[in-house]
Protein backbone atom coordinates (compact mmCIF):
# COMPACT_ATOMS: atom_id res chain seq x y z
CA MET A 1 46.48 -206.50 106.42
CA GLU A 2 43.64 -208.76 104.94
CA GLU A 3 45.04 -211.59 103.01
CA MET A 4 44.13 -211.73 99.29
CA LYS A 5 41.92 -214.29 98.11
CA LYS A 6 41.62 -215.67 94.80
CA LEU A 7 39.69 -213.54 92.48
CA ASN A 8 36.83 -216.18 91.55
CA GLN A 9 36.17 -216.22 95.32
CA TYR A 10 35.56 -212.21 95.53
CA PHE A 11 32.87 -212.80 92.60
CA ASP A 12 31.40 -215.86 94.12
CA GLU A 13 30.82 -213.93 97.16
CA ASP A 14 29.35 -210.77 95.49
CA THR A 15 25.67 -210.31 95.12
CA LYS A 16 25.79 -209.52 91.44
CA LEU A 17 25.04 -212.25 89.13
CA ARG A 18 27.82 -212.87 86.43
CA SER A 19 28.07 -216.02 84.27
CA SER A 20 31.01 -218.18 84.67
CA LYS A 21 32.10 -217.18 81.17
CA THR A 22 32.40 -213.75 82.26
CA VAL A 23 34.25 -214.52 85.47
CA ASN A 24 36.57 -216.54 83.51
CA THR A 25 37.30 -213.58 81.13
CA TYR A 26 38.21 -211.24 83.87
CA ILE A 27 40.71 -213.89 85.44
CA GLY A 28 42.35 -214.36 82.13
CA ASN A 29 42.47 -210.58 81.49
CA MET A 30 44.25 -209.96 84.83
CA ARG A 31 46.44 -212.85 84.33
CA LEU A 32 47.76 -211.07 80.67
CA ILE A 33 47.63 -207.67 82.04
CA SER A 34 49.99 -209.05 85.01
CA LYS A 35 52.03 -210.63 82.69
CA LYS A 36 52.56 -207.70 80.16
CA LEU A 37 53.33 -205.20 82.94
CA ASN A 38 55.86 -207.64 84.44
CA ILE A 39 53.65 -208.14 87.79
CA PRO A 40 54.23 -211.49 89.49
CA ILE A 41 50.94 -213.32 90.25
CA LEU A 42 50.88 -213.86 94.02
CA LYS A 43 49.58 -217.41 93.45
CA GLU A 44 47.58 -219.38 91.24
CA GLY A 45 44.44 -216.93 90.79
CA VAL A 46 45.24 -214.26 93.39
CA PHE A 47 46.55 -210.95 91.61
CA ASP A 48 48.52 -208.01 93.08
CA PHE A 49 45.72 -205.47 92.63
CA ASP A 50 47.93 -202.82 94.64
CA LYS A 51 50.32 -203.00 91.66
CA LEU A 52 47.54 -203.50 88.83
CA SER A 53 45.58 -200.52 90.13
CA ASN A 54 48.62 -198.24 89.02
CA THR A 55 47.10 -196.59 86.04
CA ARG A 56 50.19 -194.80 84.96
CA LEU A 57 52.05 -198.47 84.73
CA LEU A 58 49.14 -199.61 82.56
CA PHE A 59 48.54 -196.27 80.32
CA GLU A 60 52.37 -195.89 79.49
CA ASN A 61 52.78 -199.60 78.70
CA ASP A 62 54.09 -200.07 75.02
CA TRP A 63 51.94 -203.23 74.45
CA PHE A 64 48.78 -201.59 75.99
CA LYS A 65 49.24 -198.48 73.83
CA ALA A 66 49.65 -200.41 70.78
CA LEU A 67 46.32 -202.00 71.45
CA LYS A 68 43.04 -200.70 69.44
CA ILE A 69 41.01 -198.57 71.66
CA ASP A 70 38.09 -200.75 71.84
CA THR A 71 40.30 -203.46 73.00
CA GLN A 72 41.92 -201.21 75.34
CA LYS A 73 38.42 -200.33 76.64
CA ASN A 74 37.32 -204.01 77.21
CA TYR A 75 40.68 -204.47 79.28
CA MET A 76 39.88 -201.37 81.49
CA ASN A 77 36.23 -202.72 82.05
CA GLY A 78 37.74 -206.05 83.34
CA LEU A 79 40.12 -204.26 85.56
CA ILE A 80 37.57 -201.87 86.69
CA ALA A 81 35.11 -204.93 87.73
CA CYS A 82 37.95 -206.54 89.37
CA LEU A 83 38.96 -203.50 91.15
CA GLU A 84 35.53 -202.80 92.51
CA ILE A 85 34.62 -206.23 93.85
CA VAL A 86 38.31 -206.55 95.49
CA ASP A 87 38.01 -203.09 97.29
CA LYS A 88 36.38 -200.49 95.68
CA ASP A 89 37.02 -197.86 98.34
CA LYS A 90 41.00 -198.66 98.56
CA TYR A 91 41.12 -198.32 94.74
CA ASP A 92 38.85 -195.17 94.36
CA LYS A 93 41.15 -192.91 92.58
CA SER A 94 42.40 -195.62 90.29
CA LEU A 95 38.82 -196.49 89.50
CA VAL A 96 38.27 -192.78 88.66
CA LEU A 97 40.97 -192.47 86.24
CA LEU A 98 40.24 -195.80 84.43
CA ARG A 99 36.44 -194.64 84.21
CA GLU A 100 37.54 -191.37 82.57
CA LYS A 101 39.76 -193.09 79.87
CA ARG A 102 37.26 -195.68 79.33
CA ASP A 103 34.57 -193.17 78.80
CA THR A 104 36.75 -191.40 76.41
CA HIS A 105 37.17 -194.52 74.45
CA LYS A 106 33.57 -195.35 74.26
CA ASN A 107 32.88 -191.77 72.95
CA ASP A 108 35.73 -192.33 70.12
CA ILE A 109 34.38 -195.53 69.39
CA VAL A 110 30.98 -193.74 68.96
CA LYS A 111 32.27 -191.41 66.46
CA GLN A 112 34.38 -194.06 64.58
CA TYR A 113 31.41 -195.93 63.82
CA LYS A 114 28.86 -193.15 63.37
CA THR A 115 31.16 -192.40 60.03
CA SER A 116 29.24 -195.67 58.53
CA THR A 117 32.09 -196.08 56.21
CA PRO A 118 33.91 -199.66 55.83
CA SER A 119 37.39 -199.64 56.33
CA GLN A 120 39.81 -199.88 53.16
CA LYS A 121 40.41 -203.49 53.87
CA GLN A 122 36.51 -204.13 54.16
CA GLN A 123 36.04 -202.20 51.01
CA ASP A 124 38.73 -204.40 49.28
CA ASN A 125 36.95 -207.68 50.56
CA TRP A 126 33.52 -206.63 50.27
CA ILE A 127 31.03 -209.07 48.50
CA SER A 128 27.19 -209.18 48.21
CA MET A 129 25.38 -212.02 50.20
CA LYS A 130 23.92 -212.98 46.74
CA ASP A 131 27.24 -213.42 45.10
CA LEU A 132 28.73 -215.27 47.86
CA GLN A 133 25.95 -217.60 47.92
CA GLU A 134 26.19 -218.08 44.22
CA VAL A 135 29.84 -218.77 44.29
CA ALA A 136 30.60 -220.48 47.73
CA ILE A 137 27.68 -222.78 48.13
CA PRO A 138 28.24 -224.27 44.39
CA TYR A 139 31.86 -224.53 44.60
CA TYR A 140 31.82 -226.89 47.63
CA GLU A 141 28.65 -228.69 46.86
CA ASP A 142 30.66 -229.83 43.59
CA LYS A 143 33.25 -231.39 46.02
CA ILE A 144 30.69 -233.46 48.05
CA LYS A 145 28.51 -234.60 45.38
CA SER A 146 29.65 -238.25 45.44
CA LEU A 147 29.30 -238.12 49.38
CA PHE A 148 26.11 -236.55 49.57
CA GLY A 149 23.77 -238.64 51.92
CA LYS A 150 26.05 -241.87 51.92
CA LYS A 151 26.82 -243.18 55.24
CA THR A 152 30.67 -243.03 55.86
CA LYS A 153 32.40 -246.19 57.27
CA HIS A 154 35.88 -244.72 57.12
CA ILE A 155 37.13 -241.38 57.83
CA ASN A 156 38.82 -239.78 55.03
CA MET A 157 40.06 -236.21 56.06
CA ASP A 158 39.67 -234.67 52.52
CA ASN A 159 36.20 -235.73 52.47
CA GLN A 160 35.53 -234.58 55.85
CA ARG A 161 37.05 -231.14 55.28
CA ASN A 162 35.00 -230.68 52.23
CA LEU A 163 31.69 -231.60 54.13
CA ASN A 164 32.95 -229.20 56.87
CA ALA A 165 33.45 -226.50 54.31
CA TYR A 166 30.01 -226.79 52.58
CA LEU A 167 28.39 -226.85 56.09
CA VAL A 168 30.43 -223.53 56.76
CA CYS A 169 29.06 -222.22 53.35
CA LEU A 170 25.48 -223.04 54.34
CA LEU A 171 25.81 -221.33 57.51
CA TYR A 172 27.64 -218.39 57.05
CA CYS A 173 26.54 -217.05 53.49
CA GLY A 174 23.23 -215.68 54.77
CA LYS A 175 21.14 -217.71 52.73
CA TYR A 176 19.10 -219.76 55.02
CA LEU A 177 19.88 -218.38 58.85
CA PRO A 178 20.95 -215.02 60.50
CA MET A 179 24.47 -214.41 60.62
CA ARG A 180 25.80 -215.93 63.89
CA ARG A 181 29.48 -215.57 65.46
CA LEU A 182 31.22 -218.68 65.92
CA GLU A 183 29.27 -220.62 68.38
CA TYR A 184 28.46 -223.42 65.96
CA ASN A 185 32.06 -224.81 66.92
CA SER A 186 30.79 -227.03 69.11
CA THR A 187 26.94 -228.10 68.48
CA THR A 188 25.72 -231.36 69.59
CA ILE A 189 23.36 -233.27 67.39
CA LEU A 190 20.28 -234.68 69.22
CA ASN A 191 16.80 -235.89 68.00
CA ASN A 192 13.67 -234.34 69.37
CA LYS A 193 13.16 -237.16 72.37
CA GLU A 194 17.01 -236.47 73.37
CA TYR A 195 16.63 -232.90 73.39
CA ASP A 196 13.13 -232.76 75.29
CA LYS A 197 14.95 -234.96 77.98
CA LEU A 198 17.63 -232.42 78.66
CA SER A 199 17.16 -231.16 82.42
CA SER A 200 18.63 -228.00 81.49
CA LYS A 201 19.84 -226.66 77.87
CA THR A 202 22.87 -224.70 78.76
CA ASP A 203 25.05 -225.91 75.37
CA ASN A 204 24.24 -225.52 71.59
CA TYR A 205 22.17 -228.19 69.81
CA LEU A 206 21.17 -229.34 66.40
CA VAL A 207 17.80 -230.89 67.05
CA MET A 208 16.91 -233.06 64.00
CA GLY A 209 13.27 -234.57 63.80
CA ARG A 210 11.85 -236.57 60.94
CA THR A 211 10.65 -233.53 58.92
CA LYS A 212 12.10 -230.47 60.85
CA GLY A 213 14.77 -229.18 62.66
CA PHE A 214 16.06 -226.16 64.48
CA PHE A 215 19.32 -224.82 66.20
CA SER A 216 19.07 -224.35 70.10
CA ILE A 217 21.91 -221.84 70.96
CA ASN A 218 22.29 -221.23 74.74
CA ARG A 219 26.13 -220.61 74.71
CA TYR A 220 27.53 -217.76 73.12
CA LYS A 221 29.34 -214.25 73.60
CA THR A 222 26.15 -212.38 74.79
CA ASP A 223 24.01 -215.04 76.14
CA HIS A 224 23.89 -213.60 79.43
CA LYS A 225 21.86 -210.67 77.69
CA TYR A 226 19.58 -212.37 75.35
CA GLY A 227 19.32 -215.77 76.62
CA GLY A 228 18.61 -218.84 74.53
CA ILE A 229 18.10 -218.62 70.67
CA LYS A 230 16.04 -221.31 68.64
CA LEU A 231 16.80 -221.03 64.66
CA GLU A 232 14.38 -223.00 62.63
CA LEU A 233 15.96 -224.92 59.66
CA PRO A 234 14.11 -223.69 56.48
CA ASN A 235 13.10 -227.12 54.70
CA GLU A 236 15.60 -227.01 51.88
CA LEU A 237 18.47 -226.62 54.50
CA PHE A 238 16.68 -229.22 56.72
CA MET A 239 17.13 -231.92 53.95
CA ILE A 240 20.57 -230.82 53.00
CA MET A 241 21.64 -231.23 56.48
CA LYS A 242 20.34 -234.71 56.76
CA ASN A 243 22.50 -235.78 53.74
CA ILE A 244 25.77 -233.91 55.36
CA LEU A 245 25.42 -235.47 58.80
CA LYS A 246 24.79 -239.04 57.04
CA ALA A 247 28.08 -238.52 55.22
CA SER A 248 30.02 -236.85 58.08
CA ALA A 249 32.43 -238.81 59.89
CA ASN A 250 30.96 -238.07 63.11
CA ASN A 251 27.24 -237.28 63.99
CA GLU A 252 27.96 -236.29 67.66
CA LEU A 253 29.28 -232.84 66.74
CA LEU A 254 28.38 -230.48 64.10
CA PHE A 255 31.96 -229.60 63.36
CA PRO A 256 34.29 -232.50 64.24
CA CYS A 257 37.85 -231.16 64.42
CA LEU A 258 39.85 -232.52 61.37
CA GLU A 259 42.81 -234.12 63.75
CA ASN A 260 40.35 -235.75 65.94
CA VAL A 261 36.79 -236.58 65.05
CA ASN A 262 35.74 -236.86 68.67
CA GLU A 263 36.31 -233.41 69.73
CA CYS A 264 34.90 -230.22 68.49
CA MET A 265 36.58 -227.47 66.59
CA LYS A 266 37.92 -224.45 68.85
CA GLN A 267 36.24 -221.24 68.11
CA ASP A 268 39.59 -219.74 66.78
CA LYS A 269 40.23 -222.77 64.57
CA LEU A 270 36.72 -222.09 63.16
CA GLY A 271 37.06 -218.45 62.47
CA LEU A 272 40.41 -219.22 60.59
CA PHE A 273 38.47 -222.25 58.60
CA ILE A 274 35.77 -219.98 57.78
CA THR A 275 38.20 -217.45 56.15
CA GLU A 276 40.46 -220.26 54.57
CA VAL A 277 37.13 -221.88 52.87
CA LEU A 278 35.72 -218.70 51.65
CA LYS A 279 39.17 -217.51 50.45
CA GLU A 280 39.59 -220.52 48.13
CA ALA A 281 36.01 -220.12 46.70
CA THR A 282 35.81 -216.36 46.05
CA ASN A 283 39.63 -214.98 46.67
CA LYS A 284 38.14 -212.72 49.32
CA HIS A 285 39.38 -212.15 52.94
CA LEU A 286 36.29 -212.82 54.71
CA SER A 287 36.25 -213.19 58.51
CA VAL A 288 32.84 -213.51 60.58
CA ASN A 289 33.17 -210.02 61.53
CA ILE A 290 33.01 -208.60 57.69
CA LEU A 291 30.33 -211.06 57.19
CA ARG A 292 28.26 -209.72 59.80
CA ASN A 293 29.00 -206.50 58.42
CA ILE A 294 27.80 -207.25 54.97
CA TYR A 295 24.74 -209.12 56.42
CA THR A 296 23.73 -206.26 58.32
CA THR A 297 24.17 -203.67 55.86
CA GLU A 298 21.94 -205.57 53.21
CA MET A 299 19.35 -206.59 56.00
CA TYR A 300 18.92 -202.91 57.03
CA LYS A 301 17.95 -202.09 53.56
CA GLU A 302 14.94 -204.37 54.20
CA THR A 303 14.35 -203.80 57.86
CA HIS A 304 13.30 -200.38 58.29
CA SER A 305 11.42 -200.47 61.81
CA LEU A 306 12.57 -200.82 65.23
CA ALA A 307 10.66 -203.78 65.80
CA GLU A 308 12.18 -205.59 62.65
CA ARG A 309 15.75 -204.53 63.64
CA GLU A 310 15.39 -205.82 67.32
CA GLU A 311 14.27 -209.35 65.83
CA LEU A 312 16.89 -209.47 63.53
CA ALA A 313 19.52 -208.29 66.11
CA LYS A 314 18.41 -210.87 68.73
CA MET A 315 18.59 -213.70 66.06
CA MET A 316 22.14 -212.47 65.80
CA GLY A 317 22.80 -212.63 69.33
CA THR A 318 23.47 -208.67 69.54
CA SER A 319 21.55 -205.40 70.00
CA VAL A 320 20.07 -202.92 67.55
CA LYS A 321 22.75 -200.42 69.09
CA THR A 322 25.55 -202.45 68.32
CA GLN A 323 24.37 -203.42 64.81
CA MET A 324 23.78 -199.47 64.29
CA LEU A 325 27.49 -198.67 65.59
CA CYS A 326 29.29 -201.76 64.39
CA TYR A 327 27.84 -203.67 61.93
CA ASN A 328 25.89 -201.44 59.41
CA LYS A 329 27.77 -199.64 56.96
CA CYS A 330 25.43 -197.63 54.97
CA CYS A 331 22.39 -196.59 56.85
CA LYS A 332 22.33 -193.25 58.75
CA ASP A 333 19.00 -192.44 60.64
CA GLU A 334 17.59 -191.15 64.05
CA ILE A 335 18.09 -194.45 65.84
CA LYS A 336 21.95 -193.98 65.24
CA ASP A 337 21.91 -190.39 66.02
CA ASP A 338 20.76 -191.19 69.55
CA VAL A 339 22.77 -193.95 70.35
CA GLU A 340 25.32 -193.34 73.34
CA SER A 341 25.58 -196.39 75.21
CA GLU A 342 28.70 -199.03 75.36
CA VAL A 343 29.49 -201.07 72.34
CA SER A 344 31.15 -203.80 74.37
CA ASP A 345 30.06 -206.73 72.18
CA CYS A 346 30.93 -205.40 68.48
CA SER A 347 33.86 -207.91 68.22
CA VAL A 348 33.50 -211.50 67.02
């Protein structure tokens, strides 16, 4: 019997190109599934796929059954990819069962999102982009007026939090830029010369020139599909950003961690921080996901052609089909009726 190799070795030897982030996600999923199903990991990075391929063990597990169907689908996609690459012939029967259940879930997800109605929780927390901008931005602007444009000498955590909160409002209230996910959490600030000297642009950058600036977004959830994105800063936002960065405790990263200004804020912490910041200003529970719902719904009232919607989707790091199925909560038209593809990137 051939000895099992580390899972990442199977992917390294495969001809199909996958990003390191995708492979790491698969490995993390296999580690979690093994733990939940009480399947011992043979050794670091080596999984017992003979047991992981037991679909009954997975489908009848209480942890798995309690997951939302789109989360179940994502775990099954990962398991399918791993079984195929390890030994698709050996695990053929399991793959058939996994694909059948996965495809059933995909169809259920399409039906669910085609209703195009917000959940009750979304309805309770819905707020227009205009109202959000008029409430949240001035709320935090008042808190940082005395700091604006002044170079900081000492780190004050309350001041830094308010600067970060103001920045969150500028980036996630839909006034200046398309509604992105959480990839702003780790953004290196460069000038134009520093940016041009980069041999490869694989991270996320805020490039600040003398009169103009832009975000270069290269590392995000769906970067393998859509590549690098350049978001130009409107003039008003550029001037505000210059003053924020001058007052910030750390000019290296856009969101310095409040506990350690030399480290970026983790994405999950940024997600919680956004919700906390907007809750304080609006008394609404606003996650990035519902913000993308609201933003897409409002933009779809103004963008009617497929070309316009494709450009909007690209700037948001997603696809028109995902926007139609996952984010838009009001429009029903011929594009939505034709959607049949997988909606794998609808979560934040």
